[in-house]
């Protein structure tokens, strides 16, 4: 990548994050040969926008798929501007794991508890 994803994202958001800027962003990335990394730039833009609104990037990993009622109940616990992504990770065996802003981890999985038990 010629330029870091954070640089593209910062430039995009500083220009106002307007829809017409999207074509310009992708044109510049294509010119620099960085278009294949667009998904990384989009994630960085998302992080900046969420942080701008005082929200948090939250990733919740479950061992099994959750029902609609359980999912809605879980999502209601977060703020309006929080970006919540849920994933299924069968290697957790049971339970869930939550990562906030890529820094803080709350591990409530059986795999995490077994690891703590045997270390």
PDB file of N, CA and C in Angstrom:
ATOM      1  N   UNK A   1       0.843  -1.169   0.000  1.00  0.00           N
ATOM      2  CA  UNK A   1       0.000   0.000   0.000  1.00  0.00           C
ATOM      3  C   UNK A   1       0.893   1.239   0.000  1.00  0.00           C
ATOM      4  N   UNK A   2       0.647   2.116  -0.934  1.00  0.00           N
ATOM      5  CA  UNK A   2       1.473   3.313  -1.046  1.00  0.00           C
ATOM      6  C   UNK A   2       1.275   4.239   0.149  1.00  0.00           C
ATOM      7  N   UNK A   3       0.021   4.437   0.538  1.00  0.00           N
ATOM      8  CA  UNK A   3      -0.305   5.254   1.706  1.00  0.00           C
ATOM      9  C   UNK A   3      -1.080   4.399   2.703  1.00  0.00           C
ATOM     10  N   UNK A   4      -0.965   4.710   3.979  1.00  0.00           N
ATOM     11  CA  UNK A   4      -1.676   3.945   5.000  1.00  0.00           C
ATOM     12  C   UNK A   4      -3.174   4.209   4.914  1.00  0.00           C
ATOM     13  N   UNK A   5      -3.946   3.206   5.319  1.00  0.00           N
ATOM     14  CA  UNK A   5      -5.405   3.316   5.302  1.00  0.00           C
ATOM     15  C   UNK A   5      -5.877   4.469   6.181  1.00  0.00           C
ATOM     16  N   UNK A   6      -5.196   4.690   7.300  1.00  0.00           N
ATOM     17  CA  UNK A   6      -5.584   5.783   8.205  1.00  0.00           C
ATOM     18  C   UNK A   6      -5.455   7.132   7.512  1.00  0.00           C
ATOM     19  N   UNK A   7      -4.454   7.293   6.657  1.00  0.00           N
ATOM     20  CA  UNK A   7      -4.269   8.557   5.940  1.00  0.00           C
ATOM     21  C   UNK A   7      -5.403   8.806   4.951  1.00  0.00           C
ATOM     22  N   UNK A   8      -5.789   7.771   4.202  1.00  0.00           N
ATOM     23  CA  UNK A   8      -6.912   7.911   3.287  1.00  0.00           C
ATOM     24  C   UNK A   8      -8.192   8.249   4.059  1.00  0.00           C
ATOM     25  N   UNK A   9      -8.418   7.530   5.159  1.00  0.00           N
ATOM     26  CA  UNK A   9      -9.627   7.729   5.954  1.00  0.00           C
ATOM     27  C   UNK A   9      -9.664   9.131   6.552  1.00  0.00           C
ATOM     28  N   UNK A  10      -8.551   9.590   7.090  1.00  0.00           N
ATOM     29  CA  UNK A  10      -8.489  10.916   7.691  1.00  0.00           C
ATOM     30  C   UNK A  10      -8.753  11.996   6.640  1.00  0.00           C
ATOM     31  N   UNK A  11      -8.159  11.845   5.457  1.00  0.00           N
ATOM     32  CA  UNK A  11      -8.369  12.813   4.382  1.00  0.00           C
ATOM     33  C   UNK A  11      -9.839  12.850   3.966  1.00  0.00           C
ATOM     34  N   UNK A  12     -10.450  11.684   3.859  1.00  0.00           N
ATOM     35  CA  UNK A  12     -11.857  11.594   3.463  1.00  0.00           C
ATOM     36  C   UNK A  12     -12.766  12.281   4.483  1.00  0.00           C
ATOM     37  N   UNK A  13     -12.552  12.008   5.765  1.00  0.00           N
ATOM     38  CA  UNK A  13     -13.422  12.591   6.793  1.00  0.00           C
ATOM     39  C   UNK A  13     -13.168  14.088   6.970  1.00  0.00           C
ATOM     40  N   UNK A  14     -11.936  14.526   6.775  1.00  0.00           N
ATOM     41  CA  UNK A  14     -11.651  15.962   6.890  1.00  0.00           C
ATOM     42  C   UNK A  14     -12.269  16.761   5.750  1.00  0.00           C
ATOM     43  N   UNK A  15     -12.512  16.118   4.630  1.00  0.00           N
ATOM     44  CA  UNK A  15     -13.171  16.790   3.510  1.00  0.00           C
ATOM     45  C   UNK A  15     -14.684  16.814   3.667  1.00  0.00           C
ATOM     46  N   UNK A  16     -15.192  16.239   4.734  1.00  0.00           N
ATOM     47  CA  UNK A  16     -16.617  16.312   5.020  1.00  0.00           C
ATOM     48  C   UNK A  16     -17.386  15.031   4.800  1.00  0.00           C
ATOM     49  N   UNK A  17     -16.743  13.959   4.383  1.00  0.00           N
ATOM     50  CA  UNK A  17     -17.399  12.659   4.176  1.00  0.00           C
ATOM     51  C   UNK A  17     -18.624  12.760   3.277  1.00  0.00           C
ATOM     52  N   UNK A  18     -18.549  13.601   2.266  1.00  0.00           N
ATOM     53  CA  UNK A  18     -19.681  13.786   1.359  1.00  0.00           C
ATOM     54  C   UNK A  18     -19.710  12.664   0.335  1.00  0.00           C
ATOM     55  N   UNK A  19     -20.921  12.274  -0.117  1.00  0.00           N
ATOM     56  CA  UNK A  19     -21.024  11.181  -1.099  1.00  0.00           C
ATOM     57  C   UNK A  19     -20.217  11.415  -2.372  1.00  0.00           C
ATOM     58  N   UNK A  20     -20.127  12.661  -2.825  1.00  0.00           N
ATOM     59  CA  UNK A  20     -19.356  12.916  -4.046  1.00  0.00           C
ATOM     60  C   UNK A  20     -17.863  12.706  -3.833  1.00  0.00           C
ATOM     61  N   UNK A  21     -17.430  12.711  -2.578  1.00  0.00           N
ATOM     62  CA  UNK A  21     -16.017  12.484  -2.262  1.00  0.00           C
ATOM     63  C   UNK A  21     -15.631  11.005  -2.395  1.00  0.00           C
ATOM     64  N   UNK A  22     -16.622  10.135  -2.378  1.00  0.00           N
ATOM     65  CA  UNK A  22     -16.348   8.699  -2.467  1.00  0.00           C
ATOM     66  C   UNK A  22     -15.678   8.357  -3.795  1.00  0.00           C
ATOM     67  N   UNK A  23     -16.221   8.895  -4.893  1.00  0.00           N
ATOM     68  CA  UNK A  23     -15.631   8.636  -6.217  1.00  0.00           C
ATOM     69  C   UNK A  23     -14.200   9.152  -6.271  1.00  0.00           C
ATOM     70  N   UNK A  24     -13.971  10.314  -5.679  1.00  0.00           N
ATOM     71  CA  UNK A  24     -12.628  10.894  -5.677  1.00  0.00           C
ATOM     72  C   UNK A  24     -11.669  10.036  -4.862  1.00  0.00           C
ATOM     73  N   UNK A  25     -12.145   9.550  -3.716  1.00  0.00           N
ATOM     74  CA  UNK A  25     -11.303   8.697  -2.864  1.00  0.00           C
ATOM     75  C   UNK A  25     -10.878   7.441  -3.620  1.00  0.00           C
ATOM     76  N   UNK A  26     -11.845   6.778  -4.262  1.00  0.00           N
ATOM     77  CA  UNK A  26     -11.525   5.551  -4.985  1.00  0.00           C
ATOM     78  C   UNK A  26     -10.653   5.829  -6.208  1.00  0.00           C
ATOM     79  N   UNK A  27     -10.839   6.976  -6.843  1.00  0.00           N
ATOM     80  CA  UNK A  27      -9.999   7.339  -7.990  1.00  0.00           C
ATOM     81  C   UNK A  27      -8.547   7.523  -7.556  1.00  0.00           C
ATOM     82  N   UNK A  28      -8.345   8.191  -6.421  1.00  0.00           N
ATOM     83  CA  UNK A  28      -6.989   8.393  -5.902  1.00  0.00           C
ATOM     84  C   UNK A  28      -6.377   7.050  -5.502  1.00  0.00           C
ATOM     85  N   UNK A  29      -7.170   6.199  -4.848  1.00  0.00           N
ATOM     86  CA  UNK A  29      -6.658   4.892  -4.443  1.00  0.00           C
ATOM     87  C   UNK A  29      -6.288   4.051  -5.661  1.00  0.00           C
ATOM     88  N   UNK A  30      -7.102   4.125  -6.706  1.00  0.00           N
ATOM     89  CA  UNK A  30      -6.802   3.384  -7.935  1.00  0.00           C
ATOM     90  C   UNK A  30      -5.514   3.900  -8.565  1.00  0.00           C
ATOM     91  N   UNK A  31      -5.361   5.215  -8.617  1.00  0.00           N
ATOM     92  CA  UNK A  31      -4.170   5.835  -9.193  1.00  0.00           C
ATOM     93  C   UNK A  31      -2.909   5.404  -8.448  1.00  0.00           C
ATOM     94  N   UNK A  32      -3.014   5.278  -7.116  1.00  0.00           N
ATOM     95  CA  UNK A  32      -1.870   4.890  -6.290  1.00  0.00           C
ATOM     96  C   UNK A  32      -1.691   3.373  -6.184  1.00  0.00           C
ATOM     97  N   UNK A  33      -2.584   2.599  -6.804  1.00  0.00           N
ATOM     98  CA  UNK A  33      -2.480   1.148  -6.755  1.00  0.00           C
ATOM     99  C   UNK A  33      -2.920   0.556  -5.425  1.00  0.00           C
ATOM    100  N   UNK A  34      -3.749   1.278  -4.689  1.00  0.00           N
ATOM    101  CA  UNK A  34      -4.186   0.832  -3.367  1.00  0.00           C
ATOM    102  C   UNK A  34      -5.642   0.380  -3.339  1.00  0.00           C
ATOM    103  N   UNK A  35      -6.279   0.246  -4.473  1.00  0.00           N
ATOM    104  CA  UNK A  35      -7.703  -0.059  -4.518  1.00  0.00           C
ATOM    105  C   UNK A  35      -8.048  -1.412  -3.909  1.00  0.00           C
ATOM    106  N   UNK A  36      -7.134  -2.365  -3.975  1.00  0.00           N
ATOM    107  CA  UNK A  36      -7.404  -3.681  -3.400  1.00  0.00           C
ATOM    108  C   UNK A  36      -7.507  -3.633  -1.872  1.00  0.00           C
ATOM    109  N   UNK A  37      -7.030  -2.558  -1.276  1.00  0.00           N
ATOM    110  CA  UNK A  37      -7.084  -2.399   0.179  1.00  0.00           C
ATOM    111  C   UNK A  37      -8.250  -1.515   0.618  1.00  0.00           C
ATOM    112  N   UNK A  38      -9.230  -1.311  -0.255  1.00  0.00           N
ATOM    113  CA  UNK A  38     -10.353  -0.409   0.035  1.00  0.00           C
ATOM    114  C   UNK A  38     -11.131  -0.831   1.270  1.00  0.00           C
ATOM    115  N   UNK A  39     -11.268  -2.135   1.503  1.00  0.00           N
ATOM    116  CA  UNK A  39     -12.025  -2.589   2.678  1.00  0.00           C
ATOM    117  C   UNK A  39     -11.371  -2.134   3.982  1.00  0.00           C
ATOM    118  N   UNK A  40     -10.059  -2.027   4.006  1.00  0.00           N
ATOM    119  CA  UNK A  40      -9.352  -1.554   5.192  1.00  0.00           C
ATOM    120  C   UNK A  40      -9.613  -0.063   5.388  1.00  0.00           C
ATOM    121  N   UNK A  41      -9.617   0.682   4.299  1.00  0.00           N
ATOM    122  CA  UNK A  41      -9.881   2.126   4.365  1.00  0.00           C
ATOM    123  C   UNK A  41     -11.305   2.378   4.854  1.00  0.00           C
ATOM    124  N   UNK A  42     -12.255   1.587   4.363  1.00  0.00           N
ATOM    125  CA  UNK A  42     -13.650   1.737   4.788  1.00  0.00           C
ATOM    126  C   UNK A  42     -13.782   1.485   6.287  1.00  0.00           C
ATOM    127  N   UNK A  43     -13.097   0.489   6.816  1.00  0.00           N
ATOM    128  CA  UNK A  43     -13.127   0.227   8.261  1.00  0.00           C
ATOM    129  C   UNK A  43     -12.549   1.389   9.044  1.00  0.00           C
ATOM    130  N   UNK A  44     -11.478   1.982   8.542  1.00  0.00           N
ATOM    131  CA  UNK A  44     -10.869   3.136   9.214  1.00  0.00           C
ATOM    132  C   UNK A  44     -11.811   4.338   9.200  1.00  0.00           C
ATOM    133  N   UNK A  45     -12.499   4.553   8.082  1.00  0.00           N
ATOM    134  CA  UNK A  45     -13.473   5.645   8.002  1.00  0.00           C
ATOM    135  C   UNK A  45     -14.589   5.411   9.019  1.00  0.00           C
ATOM    136  N   UNK A  46     -15.035   4.176   9.100  1.00  0.00           N
ATOM    137  CA  UNK A  46     -16.089   3.826  10.056  1.00  0.00           C
ATOM    138  C   UNK A  46     -15.641   4.107  11.493  1.00  0.00           C
ATOM    139  N   UNK A  47     -14.414   3.739  11.829  1.00  0.00           N
ATOM    140  CA  UNK A  47     -13.885   4.002  13.167  1.00  0.00           C
ATOM    141  C   UNK A  47     -13.873   5.493  13.476  1.00  0.00           C
ATOM    142  N   UNK A  48     -13.423   6.284  12.515  1.00  0.00           N
ATOM    143  CA  UNK A  48     -13.348   7.733  12.714  1.00  0.00           C
ATOM    144  C   UNK A  48     -14.737   8.322  12.918  1.00  0.00           C
ATOM    145  N   UNK A  49     -15.695   7.910  12.102  1.00  0.00           N
ATOM    146  CA  UNK A  49     -17.060   8.440  12.202  1.00  0.00           C
ATOM    147  C   UNK A  49     -17.720   8.047  13.525  1.00  0.00           C
ATOM    148  N   UNK A  50     -17.509   6.820  13.961  1.00  0.00           N
ATOM    149  CA  UNK A  50     -18.085   6.367  15.229  1.00  0.00           C
ATOM    150  C   UNK A  50     -17.476   7.146  16.387  1.00  0.00           C
ATOM    151  N   UNK A  51     -16.161   7.309  16.356  1.00  0.00           N
ATOM    152  CA  UNK A  51     -15.478   8.045  17.416  1.00  0.00           C
ATOM    153  C   UNK A  51     -15.910   9.509  17.437  1.00  0.00           C
ATOM    154  N   UNK A  52     -16.154  10.085  16.250  1.00  0.00           N
ATOM    155  CA  UNK A  52     -16.593  11.476  16.149  1.00  0.00           C
ATOM    156  C   UNK A  52     -17.930  11.686  16.872  1.00  0.00           C
ATOM    157  N   UNK A  53     -18.791  10.660  16.856  1.00  0.00           N
ATOM    158  CA  UNK A  53     -20.101  10.726  17.508  1.00  0.00           C
ATOM    159  C   UNK A  53     -20.069  10.182  18.937  1.00  0.00           C
ATOM    160  N   UNK A  54     -18.865  10.028  19.500  1.00  0.00           N
ATOM    161  CA  UNK A  54     -18.682   9.500  20.863  1.00  0.00           C
ATOM    162  C   UNK A  54     -19.216   8.079  21.021  1.00  0.00           C
ATOM    163  N   UNK A  55     -19.159   7.306  19.963  1.00  0.00           N
ATOM    164  CA  UNK A  55     -19.566   5.910  20.022  1.00  0.00           C
ATOM    165  C   UNK A  55     -18.352   5.008  20.163  1.00  0.00           C
ATOM    166  N   UNK A  56     -18.598   3.716  20.154  1.00  0.00           N
ATOM    167  CA  UNK A  56     -17.539   2.722  20.288  1.00  0.00           C
ATOM    168  C   UNK A  56     -17.696   1.653  19.216  1.00  0.00           C
ATOM    169  N   UNK A  57     -16.577   1.119  18.786  1.00  0.00           N
ATOM    170  CA  UNK A  57     -16.570  -0.022  17.874  1.00  0.00           C
ATOM    171  C   UNK A  57     -16.587  -1.270  18.745  1.00  0.00           C
ATOM    172  N   UNK A  58     -17.645  -2.049  18.652  1.00  0.00           N
ATOM    173  CA  UNK A  58     -17.805  -3.212  19.518  1.00  0.00           C
ATOM    174  C   UNK A  58     -17.969  -4.449  18.653  1.00  0.00           C
ATOM    175  N   UNK A  59     -17.166  -5.451  18.962  1.00  0.00           N
ATOM    176  CA  UNK A  59     -17.238  -6.725  18.259  1.00  0.00           C
ATOM    177  C   UNK A  59     -17.624  -7.788  19.276  1.00  0.00           C
ATOM    178  N   UNK A  60     -18.733  -8.471  19.025  1.00  0.00           N
ATOM    179  CA  UNK A  60     -19.205  -9.516  19.930  1.00  0.00           C
ATOM    180  C   UNK A  60     -19.125 -10.839  19.185  1.00  0.00           C
ATOM    181  N   UNK A  61     -18.410 -11.785  19.776  1.00  0.00           N
ATOM    182  CA  UNK A  61     -18.250 -13.110  19.178  1.00  0.00           C
ATOM    183  C   UNK A  61     -18.995 -14.126  20.026  1.00  0.00           C
ATOM    184  N   UNK A  62     -19.854 -14.887  19.387  1.00  0.00           N
ATOM    185  CA  UNK A  62     -20.627 -15.917  20.061  1.00  0.00           C
ATOM    186  C   UNK A  62     -20.160 -17.295  19.606  1.00  0.00           C
ATOM    187  N   UNK A  63     -20.351 -18.266  20.456  1.00  0.00           N
ATOM    188  CA  UNK A  63     -20.015 -19.637  20.093  1.00  0.00           C
ATOM    189  C   UNK A  63     -21.077 -20.224  19.159  1.00  0.00           C
ATOM    190  N   UNK A  64     -22.305 -19.789  19.314  1.00  0.00           N
ATOM    191  CA  UNK A  64     -23.414 -20.292  18.498  1.00  0.00           C
ATOM    192  C   UNK A  64     -24.272 -19.113  18.051  1.00  0.00           C
ATOM    193  N   UNK A  65     -25.060 -19.326  17.013  1.00  0.00           N
ATOM    194  CA  UNK A  65     -25.967 -18.288  16.522  1.00  0.00           C
ATOM    195  C   UNK A  65     -27.006 -17.976  17.596  1.00  0.00           C
ATOM    196  N   UNK A  66     -27.341 -16.694  17.708  1.00  0.00           N
ATOM    197  CA  UNK A  66     -28.317 -16.246  18.687  1.00  0.00           C
ATOM    198  C   UNK A  66     -29.668 -16.033  18.018  1.00  0.00           C
ATOM    199  N   UNK A  67     -30.728 -16.238  18.767  1.00  0.00           N
ATOM    200  CA  UNK A  67     -32.064 -15.981  18.254  1.00  0.00           C
ATOM    201  C   UNK A  67     -32.306 -14.487  18.125  1.00  0.00           C
ATOM    202  N   UNK A  68     -33.350 -14.124  17.413  1.00  0.00           N
ATOM    203  CA  UNK A  68     -33.656 -12.713  17.169  1.00  0.00           C
ATOM    204  C   UNK A  68     -33.923 -11.967  18.468  1.00  0.00           C
ATOM    205  N   UNK A  69     -34.639 -12.581  19.400  1.00  0.00           N
ATOM    206  CA  UNK A  69     -34.956 -11.923  20.671  1.00  0.00           C
ATOM    207  C   UNK A  69     -33.692 -11.673  21.495  1.00  0.00           C
ATOM    208  N   UNK A  70     -32.826 -12.667  21.575  1.00  0.00           N
ATOM    209  CA  UNK A  70     -31.567 -12.518  22.322  1.00  0.00           C
ATOM    210  C   UNK A  70     -30.672 -11.474  21.669  1.00  0.00           C
ATOM    211  N   UNK A  71     -30.650 -11.447  20.361  1.00  0.00           N
ATOM    212  CA  UNK A  71     -29.833 -10.466  19.631  1.00  0.00           C
ATOM    213  C   UNK A  71     -30.344  -9.048  19.887  1.00  0.00           C
ATOM    214  N   UNK A  72     -31.649  -8.848  19.814  1.00  0.00           N
ATOM    215  CA  UNK A  72     -32.228  -7.524  20.066  1.00  0.00           C
ATOM    216  C   UNK A  72     -31.973  -7.072  21.507  1.00  0.00           C
ATOM    217  N   UNK A  73     -32.087  -7.990  22.444  1.00  0.00           N
ATOM    218  CA  UNK A  73     -31.829  -7.658  23.843  1.00  0.00           C
ATOM    219  C   UNK A  73     -30.368  -7.233  24.030  1.00  0.00           C
ATOM    220  N   UNK A  74     -29.460  -7.940  23.383  1.00  0.00           N
ATOM    221  CA  UNK A  74     -28.036  -7.614  23.482  1.00  0.00           C
ATOM    222  C   UNK A  74     -27.758  -6.252  22.844  1.00  0.00           C
ATOM    223  N   UNK A  75     -28.312  -5.992  21.672  1.00  0.00           N
ATOM    224  CA  UNK A  75     -28.077  -4.730  20.974  1.00  0.00           C
ATOM    225  C   UNK A  75     -28.662  -3.531  21.728  1.00  0.00           C
ATOM    226  N   UNK A  76     -29.722  -3.753  22.486  1.00  0.00           N
ATOM    227  CA  UNK A  76     -30.334  -2.662  23.245  1.00  0.00           C
ATOM    228  C   UNK A  76     -29.446  -2.180  24.389  1.00  0.00           C
ATOM    229  N   UNK A  77     -28.428  -2.948  24.743  1.00  0.00           N
ATOM    230  CA  UNK A  77     -27.528  -2.575  25.826  1.00  0.00           C
ATOM    231  C   UNK A  77     -26.487  -1.546  25.412  1.00  0.00           C
ATOM    232  N   UNK A  78     -26.365  -1.298  24.117  1.00  0.00           N
ATOM    233  CA  UNK A  78     -25.345  -0.390  23.611  1.00  0.00           C
ATOM    234  C   UNK A  78     -25.958   0.943  23.229  1.00  0.00           C
ATOM    235  N   UNK A  79     -25.103   1.950  23.089  1.00  0.00           N
ATOM    236  CA  UNK A  79     -25.549   3.294  22.766  1.00  0.00           C
ATOM    237  C   UNK A  79     -25.976   3.451  21.320  1.00  0.00           C
ATOM    238  N   UNK A  80     -26.611   4.583  21.052  1.00  0.00           N
ATOM    239  CA  UNK A  80     -27.135   4.898  19.728  1.00  0.00           C
ATOM    240  C   UNK A  80     -26.034   4.969  18.676  1.00  0.00           C
ATOM    241  N   UNK A  81     -24.872   5.469  19.053  1.00  0.00           N
ATOM    242  CA  UNK A  81     -23.785   5.670  18.097  1.00  0.00           C
ATOM    243  C   UNK A  81     -22.741   4.564  18.131  1.00  0.00           C
ATOM    244  N   UNK A  82     -22.962   3.536  18.907  1.00  0.00           N
ATOM    245  CA  UNK A  82     -22.036   2.405  18.940  1.00  0.00           C
ATOM    246  C   UNK A  82     -22.231   1.567  17.682  1.00  0.00           C
ATOM    247  N   UNK A  83     -21.130   1.079  17.141  1.00  0.00           N
ATOM    248  CA  UNK A  83     -21.173   0.186  15.974  1.00  0.00           C
ATOM    249  C   UNK A  83     -20.904  -1.214  16.487  1.00  0.00           C
ATOM    250  N   UNK A  84     -21.930  -2.046  16.464  1.00  0.00           N
ATOM    251  CA  UNK A  84     -21.830  -3.397  17.008  1.00  0.00           C
ATOM    252  C   UNK A  84     -21.816  -4.409  15.865  1.00  0.00           C
ATOM    253  N   UNK A  85     -20.783  -5.243  15.854  1.00  0.00           N
ATOM    254  CA  UNK A  85     -20.655  -6.307  14.861  1.00  0.00           C
ATOM    255  C   UNK A  85     -20.670  -7.631  15.617  1.00  0.00           C
ATOM    256  N   UNK A  86     -21.503  -8.552  15.170  1.00  0.00           N
ATOM    257  CA  UNK A  86     -21.548  -9.869  15.811  1.00  0.00           C
ATOM    258  C   UNK A  86     -20.970 -10.908  14.869  1.00  0.00           C
ATOM    259  N   UNK A  87     -20.271 -11.867  15.453  1.00  0.00           N
ATOM    260  CA  UNK A  87     -19.657 -12.949  14.689  1.00  0.00           C
ATOM    261  C   UNK A  87     -19.889 -14.267  15.407  1.00  0.00           C
ATOM    262  N   UNK A  88     -19.836 -15.333  14.651  1.00  0.00           N
ATOM    263  CA  UNK A  88     -19.914 -16.679  15.211  1.00  0.00           C
ATOM    264  C   UNK A  88     -18.521 -17.281  15.164  1.00  0.00           C
ATOM    265  N   UNK A  89     -18.024 -17.728  16.319  1.00  0.00           N
ATOM    266  CA  UNK A  89     -16.721 -18.405  16.400  1.00  0.00           C
ATOM    267  C   UNK A  89     -16.921 -19.698  17.176  1.00  0.00           C
ATOM    268  N   UNK A  90     -16.967 -20.792  16.462  1.00  0.00           N
ATOM    269  CA  UNK A  90     -17.240 -22.076  17.092  1.00  0.00           C
ATOM    270  C   UNK A  90     -16.102 -22.545  17.983  1.00  0.00           C
ATOM    271  N   UNK A  91     -14.900 -21.994  17.813  1.00  0.00           N
ATOM    272  CA  UNK A  91     -13.788 -22.399  18.663  1.00  0.00           C
ATOM    273  C   UNK A  91     -13.924 -21.852  20.084  1.00  0.00           C
ATOM    274  N   UNK A  92     -14.926 -21.013  20.352  1.00  0.00           N
ATOM    275  CA  UNK A  92     -15.178 -20.540  21.716  1.00  0.00           C
ATOM    276  C   UNK A  92     -15.848 -21.617  22.565  1.00  0.00           C
ATOM    277  N   UNK A  93     -16.354 -22.644  21.946  1.00  0.00           N
ATOM    278  CA  UNK A  93     -17.032 -23.787  22.555  1.00  0.00           C
ATOM    279  C   UNK A  93     -18.398 -23.376  23.104  1.00  0.00           C
ATOM    280  N   UNK A  94     -18.434 -22.431  24.033  1.00  0.00           N
ATOM    281  CA  UNK A  94     -19.688 -21.923  24.602  1.00  0.00           C
ATOM    282  C   UNK A  94     -19.425 -20.509  25.110  1.00  0.00           C
ATOM    283  N   UNK A  95     -20.487 -19.723  25.203  1.00  0.00           N
ATOM    284  CA  UNK A  95     -20.349 -18.377  25.745  1.00  0.00           C
ATOM    285  C   UNK A  95     -20.094 -17.321  24.682  1.00  0.00           C
ATOM    286  N   UNK A  96     -19.490 -16.204  25.110  1.00  0.00           N
ATOM    287  CA  UNK A  96     -19.275 -15.069  24.209  1.00  0.00           C
ATOM    288  C   UNK A  96     -18.009 -14.317  24.593  1.00  0.00           C
ATOM    289  N   UNK A  97     -17.575 -13.481  23.681  1.00  0.00           N
ATOM    290  CA  UNK A  97     -16.386 -12.646  23.870  1.00  0.00           C
ATOM    291  C   UNK A  97     -16.701 -11.287  23.266  1.00  0.00           C
ATOM    292  N   UNK A  98     -16.343 -10.211  23.971  1.00  0.00           N
ATOM    293  CA  UNK A  98     -16.632  -8.867  23.484  1.00  0.00           C
ATOM    294  C   UNK A  98     -15.343  -8.055  23.460  1.00  0.00           C
ATOM    295  N   UNK A  99     -15.111  -7.376  22.336  1.00  0.00           N
ATOM    296  CA  UNK A  99     -13.932  -6.526  22.181  1.00  0.00           C
ATOM    297  C   UNK A  99     -14.431  -5.113  21.887  1.00  0.00           C
ATOM    298  N   UNK A 100     -13.994  -4.140  22.687  1.00  0.00           N
ATOM    299  CA  UNK A 100     -14.412  -2.750  22.537  1.00  0.00           C
ATOM    300  C   UNK A 100     -13.249  -1.917  22.027  1.00  0.00           C
ATOM    301  N   UNK A 101     -13.485  -1.200  20.952  1.00  0.00           N
ATOM    302  CA  UNK A 101     -12.498  -0.323  20.326  1.00  0.00           C
ATOM    303  C   UNK A 101     -11.181  -1.022  20.022  1.00  0.00           C
ATOM    304  N   UNK A 102     -11.217  -2.318  19.814  1.00  0.00           N
ATOM    305  CA  UNK A 102     -10.019  -3.075  19.478  1.00  0.00           C
ATOM    306  C   UNK A 102      -9.002  -3.162  20.601  1.00  0.00           C
ATOM    307  N   UNK A 103      -9.372  -2.701  21.799  1.00  0.00           N
ATOM    308  CA  UNK A 103      -8.418  -2.648  22.903  1.00  0.00           C
ATOM    309  C   UNK A 103      -8.848  -3.454  24.120  1.00  0.00           C
ATOM    310  N   UNK A 104     -10.110  -3.360  24.483  1.00  0.00           N
ATOM    311  CA  UNK A 104     -10.585  -3.978  25.719  1.00  0.00           C
ATOM    312  C   UNK A 104     -11.346  -5.252  25.408  1.00  0.00           C
ATOM    313  N   UNK A 105     -11.024  -6.294  26.136  1.00  0.00           N
ATOM    314  CA  UNK A 105     -11.641  -7.594  25.883  1.00  0.00           C
ATOM    315  C   UNK A 105     -12.339  -8.103  27.134  1.00  0.00           C
ATOM    316  N   UNK A 106     -13.562  -8.568  26.956  1.00  0.00           N
ATOM    317  CA  UNK A 106     -14.306  -9.230  28.018  1.00  0.00           C
ATOM    318  C   UNK A 106     -14.585 -10.639  27.515  1.00  0.00           C
ATOM    319  N   UNK A 107     -13.898 -11.617  28.088  1.00  0.00           N
ATOM    320  CA  UNK A 107     -13.993 -12.993  27.625  1.00  0.00           C
ATOM    321  C   UNK A 107     -14.871 -13.794  28.578  1.00  0.00           C
ATOM    322  N   UNK A 108     -16.052 -14.144  28.109  1.00  0.00           N
ATOM    323  CA  UNK A 108     -16.994 -14.939  28.888  1.00  0.00           C
ATOM    324  C   UNK A 108     -17.219 -16.294  28.222  1.00  0.00           C
ATOM    325  N   UNK A 109     -16.203 -16.774  27.523  1.00  0.00           N
ATOM    326  CA  UNK A 109     -16.327 -18.029  26.796  1.00  0.00           C
ATOM    327  C   UNK A 109     -15.750 -19.174  27.613  1.00  0.00           C
ATOM    328  N   UNK A 110     -16.191 -20.367  27.300  1.00  0.00           N
ATOM    329  CA  UNK A 110     -15.666 -21.555  27.968  1.00  0.00           C
ATOM    330  C   UNK A 110     -14.200 -21.756  27.604  1.00  0.00           C
ATOM    331  N   UNK A 111     -13.850 -21.505  26.365  1.00  0.00           N
ATOM    332  CA  UNK A 111     -12.453 -21.648  25.937  1.00  0.00           C
ATOM    333  C   UNK A 111     -11.556 -20.699  26.726  1.00  0.00           C
ATOM    334  N   UNK A 112     -12.000 -19.460  26.944  1.00  0.00           N
ATOM    335  CA  UNK A 112     -11.225 -18.492  27.722  1.00  0.00           C
ATOM    336  C   UNK A 112     -11.070 -18.902  29.171  1.00  0.00           C
ATOM    337  N   UNK A 113     -12.130 -19.445  29.735  1.00  0.00           N
ATOM    338  CA  UNK A 113     -12.068 -19.892  31.136  1.00  0.00           C
ATOM    339  C   UNK A 113     -11.154 -21.107  31.298  1.00  0.00           C
ATOM    340  N   UNK A 114     -11.218 -22.023  30.330  1.00  0.00           N
ATOM    341  CA  UNK A 114     -10.333 -23.189  30.390  1.00  0.00           C
ATOM    342  C   UNK A 114      -8.866 -22.771  30.246  1.00  0.00           C
ATOM    343  N   UNK A 115      -8.629 -21.807  29.375  1.00  0.00           N
ATOM    344  CA  UNK A 115      -7.266 -21.310  29.202  1.00  0.00           C
ATOM    345  C   UNK A 115      -6.741 -20.674  30.484  1.00  0.00           C
ATOM    346  N   UNK A 116      -7.565 -19.896  31.162  1.00  0.00           N
ATOM    347  CA  UNK A 116      -7.165 -19.276  32.429  1.00  0.00           C
ATOM    348  C   UNK A 116      -6.927 -20.333  33.498  1.00  0.00           C
ATOM    349  N   UNK A 117      -7.734 -21.365  33.478  1.00  0.00           N
ATOM    350  CA  UNK A 117      -7.642 -22.433  34.476  1.00  0.00           C
ATOM    351  C   UNK A 117      -6.331 -23.198  34.361  1.00  0.00           C
ATOM    352  N   UNK A 118      -5.885 -23.427  33.131  1.00  0.00           N
ATOM    353  CA  UNK A 118      -4.705 -24.256  32.918  1.00  0.00           C
ATOM    354  C   UNK A 118      -3.419 -23.475  32.642  1.00  0.00           C
ATOM    355  N   UNK A 119      -3.419 -22.175  32.885  1.00  0.00           N
ATOM    356  CA  UNK A 119      -2.172 -21.408  32.717  1.00  0.00           C
ATOM    357  C   UNK A 119      -1.682 -20.874  34.031  1.00  0.00           C
TER     358      UNK A 119
END
